[in-house]
Amino acid sequence: HKHGKRAFLTVLVIVCGEKCEKKKKDVLI
């Protein structure tokens, strides 16, 4: 269960990072 939770958190971090990058680009544009 711990490994699955860690993988899930990792995915969340990656998705959040991508969303943050998109927001930054939108703000710059």
N, C-alpha and C. Protein backbone atom coordinates (compact mmCIF):
# COMPACT_ATOMS: atom_id res chain seq x y z
N HIS A 1 0.84 -1.22 0.00
CA HIS A 1 0.00 0.00 0.00
C HIS A 1 0.87 1.27 0.00
N LYS A 2 1.97 1.21 0.72
CA LYS A 2 2.85 2.39 0.79
C LYS A 2 3.38 2.74 -0.59
N HIS A 3 3.81 1.72 -1.34
CA HIS A 3 4.36 1.98 -2.68
C HIS A 3 3.29 2.60 -3.57
N GLY A 4 2.06 2.08 -3.50
CA GLY A 4 0.98 2.61 -4.33
C GLY A 4 0.69 4.06 -3.97
N LYS A 5 0.71 4.35 -2.66
CA LYS A 5 0.44 5.73 -2.22
C LYS A 5 1.54 6.66 -2.71
N ARG A 6 2.78 6.19 -2.64
CA ARG A 6 3.90 7.02 -3.08
C ARG A 6 3.79 7.29 -4.58
N ALA A 7 3.43 6.26 -5.35
CA ALA A 7 3.29 6.41 -6.80
C ALA A 7 2.18 7.41 -7.09
N PHE A 8 1.07 7.31 -6.35
CA PHE A 8 -0.07 8.22 -6.55
C PHE A 8 0.36 9.65 -6.27
N LEU A 9 1.11 9.85 -5.18
CA LEU A 9 1.57 11.20 -4.83
C LEU A 9 2.51 11.73 -5.90
N THR A 10 3.37 10.84 -6.42
CA THR A 10 4.31 11.26 -7.46
C THR A 10 3.54 11.74 -8.68
N VAL A 11 2.49 10.99 -9.05
CA VAL A 11 1.67 11.38 -10.21
C VAL A 11 1.03 12.74 -9.95
N LEU A 12 0.54 12.93 -8.73
CA LEU A 12 -0.11 14.21 -8.39
C LEU A 12 0.89 15.35 -8.53
N VAL A 13 2.11 15.14 -8.03
CA VAL A 13 3.14 16.18 -8.11
C VAL A 13 3.44 16.52 -9.56
N ILE A 14 3.55 15.48 -10.41
CA ILE A 14 3.85 15.70 -11.84
C ILE A 14 2.71 16.48 -12.48
N VAL A 15 1.47 16.07 -12.21
CA VAL A 15 0.31 16.74 -12.81
C VAL A 15 0.25 18.19 -12.33
N CYS A 16 0.46 18.41 -11.03
CA CYS A 16 0.43 19.77 -10.48
C CYS A 16 1.52 20.61 -11.13
N GLY A 17 2.70 20.01 -11.33
CA GLY A 17 3.81 20.73 -11.95
C GLY A 17 3.44 21.15 -13.37
N GLU A 18 2.81 20.24 -14.11
CA GLU A 18 2.43 20.57 -15.49
C GLU A 18 1.39 21.69 -15.49
N LYS A 19 0.43 21.63 -14.56
CA LYS A 19 -0.60 22.68 -14.49
C LYS A 19 0.04 24.01 -14.15
N CYS A 20 1.00 23.99 -13.22
CA CYS A 20 1.69 25.22 -12.82
C CYS A 20 2.41 25.81 -14.02
N GLU A 21 3.08 24.95 -14.81
CA GLU A 21 3.81 25.43 -16.00
C GLU A 21 2.84 26.06 -16.98
N LYS A 22 1.68 25.43 -17.16
CA LYS A 22 0.68 25.98 -18.10
C LYS A 22 0.22 27.35 -17.60
N LYS A 23 -0.02 27.47 -16.30
CA LYS A 23 -0.47 28.75 -15.74
C LYS A 23 0.59 29.82 -15.95
N LYS A 24 1.85 29.46 -15.72
CA LYS A 24 2.95 30.42 -15.91
C LYS A 24 2.97 30.90 -17.36
N LYS A 25 2.85 29.96 -18.31
CA LYS A 25 2.87 30.31 -19.73
C LYS A 25 1.69 31.21 -20.06
N ASP A 26 0.51 30.87 -19.52
CA ASP A 26 -0.68 31.68 -19.79
C ASP A 26 -0.48 33.11 -19.26
N VAL A 27 0.12 33.22 -18.09
CA VAL A 27 0.34 34.54 -17.49
C VAL A 27 1.33 35.32 -18.33
N LEU A 28 2.41 34.64 -18.79
CA LEU A 28 3.43 35.32 -19.60
C LEU A 28 2.84 35.78 -20.92
N ILE A 29 1.98 34.93 -21.49
CA ILE A 29 1.39 35.28 -22.78
C ILE A 29 0.28 36.32 -22.53
